[in-house]
All heavy atoms as atom14 arrays in JSON, in Angstrom:
{
  "sequence": "PVMLQGHMDMVCVSEDPSHDFQKQGLKLQICEDYLEAE",
  "atom14_mask": [
    [1, 1, 1, 1, 1, 1, 1, 0, 0, 0, 0, 0, 0, 0],
    [1, 1, 1, 1, 1, 1, 1, 0, 0, 0, 0, 0, 0, 0],
    [1, 1, 1, 1, 1, 1, 1, 1, 0, 0, 0, 0, 0, 0],
    [1, 1, 1, 1, 1, 1, 1, 1, 0, 0, 0, 0, 0, 0],
    [1, 1, 1, 1, 1, 1, 1, 1, 1, 0, 0, 0, 0, 0],
    [1, 1, 1, 1, 0, 0, 0, 0, 0, 0, 0, 0, 0, 0],
    [1, 1, 1, 1, 1, 1, 1, 1, 1, 1, 0, 0, 0, 0],
    [1, 1, 1, 1, 1, 1, 1, 1, 0, 0, 0, 0, 0, 0],
    [1, 1, 1, 1, 1, 1, 1, 1, 0, 0, 0, 0, 0, 0],
    [1, 1, 1, 1, 1, 1, 1, 1, 0, 0, 0, 0, 0, 0],
    [1, 1, 1, 1, 1, 1, 1, 0, 0, 0, 0, 0, 0, 0],
    [1, 1, 1, 1, 1, 1, 0, 0, 0, 0, 0, 0, 0, 0],
    [1, 1, 1, 1, 1, 1, 1, 0, 0, 0, 0, 0, 0, 0],
    [1, 1, 1, 1, 1, 1, 0, 0, 0, 0, 0, 0, 0, 0],
    [1, 1, 1, 1, 1, 1, 1, 1, 1, 0, 0, 0, 0, 0],
    [1, 1, 1, 1, 1, 1, 1, 1, 0, 0, 0, 0, 0, 0],
    [1, 1, 1, 1, 1, 1, 1, 0, 0, 0, 0, 0, 0, 0],
    [1, 1, 1, 1, 1, 1, 0, 0, 0, 0, 0, 0, 0, 0],
    [1, 1, 1, 1, 1, 1, 1, 1, 1, 1, 0, 0, 0, 0],
    [1, 1, 1, 1, 1, 1, 1, 1, 0, 0, 0, 0, 0, 0],
    [1, 1, 1, 1, 1, 1, 1, 1, 1, 1, 1, 0, 0, 0],
    [1, 1, 1, 1, 1, 1, 1, 1, 1, 0, 0, 0, 0, 0],
    [1, 1, 1, 1, 1, 1, 1, 1, 1, 0, 0, 0, 0, 0],
    [1, 1, 1, 1, 1, 1, 1, 1, 1, 0, 0, 0, 0, 0],
    [1, 1, 1, 1, 0, 0, 0, 0, 0, 0, 0, 0, 0, 0],
    [1, 1, 1, 1, 1, 1, 1, 1, 0, 0, 0, 0, 0, 0],
    [1, 1, 1, 1, 1, 1, 1, 1, 1, 0, 0, 0, 0, 0],
    [1, 1, 1, 1, 1, 1, 1, 1, 0, 0, 0, 0, 0, 0],
    [1, 1, 1, 1, 1, 1, 1, 1, 1, 0, 0, 0, 0, 0],
    [1, 1, 1, 1, 1, 1, 1, 1, 0, 0, 0, 0, 0, 0],
    [1, 1, 1, 1, 1, 1, 0, 0, 0, 0, 0, 0, 0, 0],
    [1, 1, 1, 1, 1, 1, 1, 1, 1, 0, 0, 0, 0, 0],
    [1, 1, 1, 1, 1, 1, 1, 1, 0, 0, 0, 0, 0, 0],
    [1, 1, 1, 1, 1, 1, 1, 1, 1, 1, 1, 1, 0, 0],
    [1, 1, 1, 1, 1, 1, 1, 1, 0, 0, 0, 0, 0, 0],
    [1, 1, 1, 1, 1, 1, 1, 1, 1, 0, 0, 0, 0, 0],
    [1, 1, 1, 1, 1, 0, 0, 0, 0, 0, 0, 0, 0, 0],
    [1, 1, 1, 1, 1, 1, 1, 1, 1, 0, 0, 0, 0, 0]
  ],
  "atom14_positions": [
    [[70.7, 6.75, 43.75], [71.59, 5.86, 43.0], [72.99, 5.92, 43.26], [73.55, 6.81, 43.94], [71.3, 6.42, 41.56], [71.07, 7.87, 41.67], [70.36, 8.02, 42.98], [0.0, 0.0, 0.0], [0.0, 0.0, 0.0], [0.0, 0.0, 0.0], [0.0, 0.0, 0.0], [0.0, 0.0, 0.0], [0.0, 0.0, 0.0], [0.0, 0.0, 0.0]],
    [[73.75, 4.92, 42.9], [75.13, 4.72, 42.95], [75.68, 4.51, 41.61], [75.12, 3.86, 40.75], [75.62, 3.59, 43.94], [75.14, 2.28, 43.44], [77.16, 3.6, 44.13], [0.0, 0.0, 0.0], [0.0, 0.0, 0.0], [0.0, 0.0, 0.0], [0.0, 0.0, 0.0], [0.0, 0.0, 0.0], [0.0, 0.0, 0.0], [0.0, 0.0, 0.0]],
    [[76.72, 5.15, 41.3], [77.46, 5.04, 39.96], [78.48, 3.96, 40.01], [79.38, 3.93, 40.83], [78.01, 6.42, 39.55], [78.53, 6.42, 38.12], [79.4, 7.82, 37.57], [78.22, 9.12, 38.2], [0.0, 0.0, 0.0], [0.0, 0.0, 0.0], [0.0, 0.0, 0.0], [0.0, 0.0, 0.0], [0.0, 0.0, 0.0], [0.0, 0.0, 0.0]],
    [[78.46, 2.95, 39.12], [79.62, 2.04, 38.88], [80.33, 2.62, 37.63], [79.65, 2.76, 36.67], [79.02, 0.65, 38.76], [78.24, 0.04, 39.85], [77.82, -1.34, 39.61], [78.95, 0.07, 41.19], [0.0, 0.0, 0.0], [0.0, 0.0, 0.0], [0.0, 0.0, 0.0], [0.0, 0.0, 0.0], [0.0, 0.0, 0.0], [0.0, 0.0, 0.0]],
    [[81.62, 2.51, 37.59], [82.34, 3.06, 36.43], [83.65, 2.32, 36.19], [84.39, 1.94, 37.04], [82.69, 4.55, 36.6], [83.19, 5.25, 35.38], [84.7, 5.32, 35.39], [85.43, 5.39, 36.48], [85.32, 5.21, 34.15], [0.0, 0.0, 0.0], [0.0, 0.0, 0.0], [0.0, 0.0, 0.0], [0.0, 0.0, 0.0], [0.0, 0.0, 0.0]],
    [[83.82, 2.07, 34.93], [85.17, 1.55, 34.34], [85.24, 1.81, 32.91], [84.37, 2.33, 32.32], [0.0, 0.0, 0.0], [0.0, 0.0, 0.0], [0.0, 0.0, 0.0], [0.0, 0.0, 0.0], [0.0, 0.0, 0.0], [0.0, 0.0, 0.0], [0.0, 0.0, 0.0], [0.0, 0.0, 0.0], [0.0, 0.0, 0.0], [0.0, 0.0, 0.0]],
    [[86.49, 1.57, 32.41], [86.65, 1.95, 30.93], [86.77, 0.66, 30.01], [87.13, -0.36, 30.39], [88.02, 2.81, 30.83], [89.24, 2.12, 31.14], [90.02, 1.31, 30.39], [89.97, 2.14, 32.34], [91.04, 0.83, 30.93], [91.1, 1.41, 32.14], [0.0, 0.0, 0.0], [0.0, 0.0, 0.0], [0.0, 0.0, 0.0], [0.0, 0.0, 0.0]],
    [[86.3, 0.92, 28.78], [86.26, -0.24, 27.78], [87.5, -0.53, 27.26], [87.72, -1.83, 26.88], [85.23, 0.26, 26.64], [83.92, 0.68, 27.1], [83.07, 1.18, 25.41], [81.86, 2.38, 26.06], [0.0, 0.0, 0.0], [0.0, 0.0, 0.0], [0.0, 0.0, 0.0], [0.0, 0.0, 0.0], [0.0, 0.0, 0.0], [0.0, 0.0, 0.0]],
    [[88.44, 0.39, 27.0], [89.52, 0.05, 26.13], [90.62, -0.62, 26.98], [90.7, -0.51, 28.21], [90.07, 1.33, 25.37], [90.61, 2.34, 26.53], [90.0, 2.46, 27.57], [91.75, 3.0, 26.35], [0.0, 0.0, 0.0], [0.0, 0.0, 0.0], [0.0, 0.0, 0.0], [0.0, 0.0, 0.0], [0.0, 0.0, 0.0], [0.0, 0.0, 0.0]],
    [[91.46, -1.32, 26.16], [92.68, -2.08, 26.8], [93.89, -1.73, 26.06], [93.93, -1.19, 24.84], [92.44, -3.54, 26.67], [92.25, -4.21, 25.37], [92.22, -5.91, 25.32], [93.94, -6.32, 25.59], [0.0, 0.0, 0.0], [0.0, 0.0, 0.0], [0.0, 0.0, 0.0], [0.0, 0.0, 0.0], [0.0, 0.0, 0.0], [0.0, 0.0, 0.0]],
    [[94.99, -1.91, 26.59], [96.38, -1.75, 25.99], [96.66, -3.1, 25.16], [96.56, -4.14, 25.72], [97.44, -1.48, 27.01], [98.75, -1.56, 26.35], [97.25, -0.12, 27.74], [0.0, 0.0, 0.0], [0.0, 0.0, 0.0], [0.0, 0.0, 0.0], [0.0, 0.0, 0.0], [0.0, 0.0, 0.0], [0.0, 0.0, 0.0], [0.0, 0.0, 0.0]],
    [[97.06, -2.87, 24.01], [97.09, -4.04, 23.04], [98.67, -4.34, 22.86], [99.32, -3.61, 22.22], [96.43, -3.88, 21.78], [94.67, -3.64, 21.92], [0.0, 0.0, 0.0], [0.0, 0.0, 0.0], [0.0, 0.0, 0.0], [0.0, 0.0, 0.0], [0.0, 0.0, 0.0], [0.0, 0.0, 0.0], [0.0, 0.0, 0.0], [0.0, 0.0, 0.0]],
    [[99.12, -5.3, 23.47], [100.47, -5.93, 23.31], [100.54, -7.33, 22.9], [99.77, -8.08, 23.58], [101.4, -5.59, 24.43], [102.75, -6.11, 24.2], [101.36, -4.15, 24.77], [0.0, 0.0, 0.0], [0.0, 0.0, 0.0], [0.0, 0.0, 0.0], [0.0, 0.0, 0.0], [0.0, 0.0, 0.0], [0.0, 0.0, 0.0], [0.0, 0.0, 0.0]],
    [[101.22, -7.79, 21.85], [101.21, -9.14, 21.5], [102.64, -9.62, 21.23], [103.53, -8.94, 20.73], [100.31, -9.39, 20.29], [100.42, -10.73, 19.83], [0.0, 0.0, 0.0], [0.0, 0.0, 0.0], [0.0, 0.0, 0.0], [0.0, 0.0, 0.0], [0.0, 0.0, 0.0], [0.0, 0.0, 0.0], [0.0, 0.0, 0.0], [0.0, 0.0, 0.0]],
    [[102.9, -10.95, 21.53], [104.15, -11.53, 21.09], [104.14, -11.84, 19.62], [105.16, -11.88, 19.01], [104.37, -12.8, 21.89], [104.56, -12.68, 23.45], [104.83, -14.04, 24.12], [104.13, -15.02, 23.58], [105.45, -14.07, 25.2], [0.0, 0.0, 0.0], [0.0, 0.0, 0.0], [0.0, 0.0, 0.0], [0.0, 0.0, 0.0], [0.0, 0.0, 0.0]],
    [[103.03, -11.97, 19.03], [102.77, -12.38, 17.56], [102.51, -11.06, 16.85], [101.34, -10.53, 17.0], [101.77, -13.26, 17.39], [101.54, -13.69, 16.07], [102.25, -13.21, 15.14], [100.51, -14.5, 15.73], [0.0, 0.0, 0.0], [0.0, 0.0, 0.0], [0.0, 0.0, 0.0], [0.0, 0.0, 0.0], [0.0, 0.0, 0.0], [0.0, 0.0, 0.0]],
    [[103.34, -10.41, 16.1], [103.17, -9.19, 15.34], [102.07, -9.31, 14.35], [101.53, -8.4, 13.91], [104.41, -8.93, 14.65], [105.27, -10.32, 14.43], [104.77, -11.03, 15.74], [0.0, 0.0, 0.0], [0.0, 0.0, 0.0], [0.0, 0.0, 0.0], [0.0, 0.0, 0.0], [0.0, 0.0, 0.0], [0.0, 0.0, 0.0], [0.0, 0.0, 0.0]],
    [[101.6, -10.47, 14.04], [100.42, -10.74, 13.03], [99.09, -10.64, 13.74], [98.06, -10.66, 13.12], [100.55, -12.07, 12.33], [100.4, -13.14, 13.27], [0.0, 0.0, 0.0], [0.0, 0.0, 0.0], [0.0, 0.0, 0.0], [0.0, 0.0, 0.0], [0.0, 0.0, 0.0], [0.0, 0.0, 0.0], [0.0, 0.0, 0.0], [0.0, 0.0, 0.0]],
    [[99.13, -10.6, 15.14], [97.83, -10.58, 15.81], [97.19, -9.25, 15.62], [97.7, -8.26, 15.82], [98.01, -10.84, 17.19], [96.62, -10.83, 18.09], [96.04, -12.06, 18.23], [95.95, -9.9, 18.55], [94.92, -11.93, 19.0], [94.9, -10.62, 19.28], [0.0, 0.0, 0.0], [0.0, 0.0, 0.0], [0.0, 0.0, 0.0], [0.0, 0.0, 0.0]],
    [[96.03, -9.2, 15.03], [95.27, -7.99, 14.7], [94.24, -7.8, 15.71], [93.06, -8.31, 15.66], [94.49, -8.1, 13.32], [94.05, -6.88, 12.78], [93.95, -5.88, 13.61], [93.65, -6.81, 11.59], [0.0, 0.0, 0.0], [0.0, 0.0, 0.0], [0.0, 0.0, 0.0], [0.0, 0.0, 0.0], [0.0, 0.0, 0.0], [0.0, 0.0, 0.0]],
    [[94.56, -6.76, 16.69], [93.63, -6.45, 17.83], [92.36, -5.77, 17.31], [91.34, -5.82, 18.06], [94.34, -5.64, 18.85], [95.35, -6.3, 19.73], [96.68, -6.43, 19.46], [94.83, -6.99, 20.83], [97.49, -7.14, 20.34], [95.59, -7.7, 21.63], [97.11, -7.74, 21.35], [0.0, 0.0, 0.0], [0.0, 0.0, 0.0], [0.0, 0.0, 0.0]],
    [[92.4, -5.2, 16.08], [91.13, -4.65, 15.62], [90.18, -5.68, 14.95], [88.94, -5.29, 14.97], [91.38, -3.61, 14.46], [92.27, -2.4, 14.98], [92.49, -1.45, 13.86], [91.53, -1.07, 13.14], [93.72, -0.81, 13.71], [0.0, 0.0, 0.0], [0.0, 0.0, 0.0], [0.0, 0.0, 0.0], [0.0, 0.0, 0.0], [0.0, 0.0, 0.0]],
    [[90.6, -6.86, 14.72], [89.7, -7.94, 14.25], [89.64, -9.11, 15.1], [88.65, -9.8, 15.07], [90.18, -8.27, 12.85], [90.23, -7.1, 11.82], [90.72, -7.68, 10.49], [90.62, -6.54, 9.42], [91.12, -6.87, 8.16], [0.0, 0.0, 0.0], [0.0, 0.0, 0.0], [0.0, 0.0, 0.0], [0.0, 0.0, 0.0], [0.0, 0.0, 0.0]],
    [[90.62, -9.3, 15.91], [90.69, -10.67, 16.71], [90.55, -10.32, 18.14], [90.92, -9.42, 18.76], [92.05, -11.34, 16.41], [92.42, -11.74, 15.06], [93.78, -12.22, 14.85], [94.63, -11.62, 14.51], [93.89, -13.41, 15.31], [0.0, 0.0, 0.0], [0.0, 0.0, 0.0], [0.0, 0.0, 0.0], [0.0, 0.0, 0.0], [0.0, 0.0, 0.0]],
    [[89.75, -11.38, 18.81], [89.61, -11.33, 20.27], [90.77, -12.04, 20.9], [91.96, -12.18, 20.32], [0.0, 0.0, 0.0], [0.0, 0.0, 0.0], [0.0, 0.0, 0.0], [0.0, 0.0, 0.0], [0.0, 0.0, 0.0], [0.0, 0.0, 0.0], [0.0, 0.0, 0.0], [0.0, 0.0, 0.0], [0.0, 0.0, 0.0], [0.0, 0.0, 0.0]],
    [[90.71, -12.29, 22.13], [91.78, -12.94, 23.02], [91.63, -14.28, 23.19], [90.45, -14.89, 23.26], [91.85, -12.11, 24.33], [91.9, -10.59, 24.24], [92.01, -10.05, 25.73], [93.1, -10.08, 23.53], [0.0, 0.0, 0.0], [0.0, 0.0, 0.0], [0.0, 0.0, 0.0], [0.0, 0.0, 0.0], [0.0, 0.0, 0.0], [0.0, 0.0, 0.0]],
    [[92.68, -15.12, 23.35], [92.54, -16.5, 23.68], [92.86, -16.54, 25.16], [94.04, -16.54, 25.52], [93.67, -17.25, 22.79], [93.35, -17.26, 21.33], [94.35, -18.1, 20.47], [94.06, -18.03, 19.04], [95.09, -18.8, 18.3], [0.0, 0.0, 0.0], [0.0, 0.0, 0.0], [0.0, 0.0, 0.0], [0.0, 0.0, 0.0], [0.0, 0.0, 0.0]],
    [[91.93, -16.87, 25.92], [92.15, -16.91, 27.36], [92.52, -18.29, 27.83], [92.37, -19.35, 27.11], [90.67, -16.58, 28.16], [90.16, -15.26, 27.74], [88.81, -15.1, 28.58], [91.17, -14.16, 28.05], [0.0, 0.0, 0.0], [0.0, 0.0, 0.0], [0.0, 0.0, 0.0], [0.0, 0.0, 0.0], [0.0, 0.0, 0.0], [0.0, 0.0, 0.0]],
    [[93.23, -18.36, 28.86], [93.75, -19.63, 29.41], [93.89, -19.56, 30.99], [94.03, -18.46, 31.6], [95.1, -20.03, 28.86], [96.24, -18.98, 29.07], [97.48, -19.3, 28.18], [97.42, -20.12, 27.36], [98.58, -18.77, 28.69], [0.0, 0.0, 0.0], [0.0, 0.0, 0.0], [0.0, 0.0, 0.0], [0.0, 0.0, 0.0], [0.0, 0.0, 0.0]],
    [[93.58, -20.67, 31.56], [93.77, -20.7, 33.12], [94.93, -21.33, 33.51], [95.37, -22.38, 32.94], [92.54, -21.53, 33.67], [91.19, -20.78, 33.11], [92.61, -21.55, 35.06], [90.0, -21.69, 33.36], [0.0, 0.0, 0.0], [0.0, 0.0, 0.0], [0.0, 0.0, 0.0], [0.0, 0.0, 0.0], [0.0, 0.0, 0.0], [0.0, 0.0, 0.0]],
    [[95.74, -20.71, 34.36], [96.99, -21.2, 34.94], [96.95, -21.17, 36.48], [97.05, -20.1, 37.01], [98.16, -20.48, 34.42], [99.76, -21.16, 34.88], [0.0, 0.0, 0.0], [0.0, 0.0, 0.0], [0.0, 0.0, 0.0], [0.0, 0.0, 0.0], [0.0, 0.0, 0.0], [0.0, 0.0, 0.0], [0.0, 0.0, 0.0], [0.0, 0.0, 0.0]],
    [[96.45, -22.23, 37.14], [96.32, -22.39, 38.49], [95.29, -21.28, 38.95], [94.12, -21.37, 38.43], [97.58, -22.19, 39.25], [98.57, -23.35, 38.97], [99.96, -23.29, 39.76], [100.23, -22.18, 40.18], [100.73, -24.24, 39.61], [0.0, 0.0, 0.0], [0.0, 0.0, 0.0], [0.0, 0.0, 0.0], [0.0, 0.0, 0.0], [0.0, 0.0, 0.0]],
    [[95.62, -20.34, 39.75], [94.74, -19.34, 40.2], [94.65, -18.1, 39.22], [94.06, -17.04, 39.66], [95.02, -18.88, 41.61], [94.06, -17.9, 42.3], [92.78, -18.25, 42.13], [94.42, -16.96, 42.86], [0.0, 0.0, 0.0], [0.0, 0.0, 0.0], [0.0, 0.0, 0.0], [0.0, 0.0, 0.0], [0.0, 0.0, 0.0], [0.0, 0.0, 0.0]],
    [[95.23, -18.18, 38.13], [95.3, -16.95, 37.31], [94.69, -17.17, 35.92], [94.85, -18.27, 35.31], [96.8, -16.47, 37.11], [97.42, -16.06, 38.28], [98.26, -16.81, 39.23], [97.14, -14.76, 38.71], [98.81, -16.26, 40.4], [97.78, -14.18, 39.99], [98.52, -15.1, 40.71], [99.12, -14.58, 41.94], [0.0, 0.0, 0.0], [0.0, 0.0, 0.0]],
    [[94.0, -16.01, 35.5], [93.48, -16.01, 34.18], [94.31, -15.27, 33.37], [94.84, -14.14, 33.79], [92.08, -15.38, 34.19], [91.44, -15.2, 32.87], [91.1, -16.67, 32.32], [89.97, -14.6, 33.09], [0.0, 0.0, 0.0], [0.0, 0.0, 0.0], [0.0, 0.0, 0.0], [0.0, 0.0, 0.0], [0.0, 0.0, 0.0], [0.0, 0.0, 0.0]],
    [[94.76, -15.74, 32.17], [95.81, -15.18, 31.36], [95.26, -15.08, 29.85], [94.28, -15.65, 29.58], [97.12, -15.97, 31.42], [97.77, -16.0, 32.79], [98.89, -17.08, 32.74], [99.07, -17.75, 31.67], [99.76, -17.14, 33.68], [0.0, 0.0, 0.0], [0.0, 0.0, 0.0], [0.0, 0.0, 0.0], [0.0, 0.0, 0.0], [0.0, 0.0, 0.0]],
    [[95.92, -14.47, 29.03], [95.6, -14.39, 27.68], [96.93, -15.09, 26.89], [98.01, -14.68, 27.22], [95.4, -13.13, 27.01], [0.0, 0.0, 0.0], [0.0, 0.0, 0.0], [0.0, 0.0, 0.0], [0.0, 0.0, 0.0], [0.0, 0.0, 0.0], [0.0, 0.0, 0.0], [0.0, 0.0, 0.0], [0.0, 0.0, 0.0], [0.0, 0.0, 0.0]],
    [[96.69, -15.86, 25.89], [97.76, -16.55, 25.21], [98.45, -15.61, 24.3], [97.94, -15.18, 23.24], [97.25, -17.64, 24.37], [98.36, -18.53, 23.7], [97.64, -19.74, 22.96], [96.54, -20.23, 23.34], [98.23, -20.15, 21.94], [0.0, 0.0, 0.0], [0.0, 0.0, 0.0], [0.0, 0.0, 0.0], [0.0, 0.0, 0.0], [0.0, 0.0, 0.0]]
  ]
}
């Protein structure tokens, strides 16, 4: 077998202090060749 490995958690930083990372997901957006979060 071969093992594939990565981690689940992410660093949570938001421009909006009301964004609740424990309850809300991310709003993804596409900008040319890049995937971003709003």
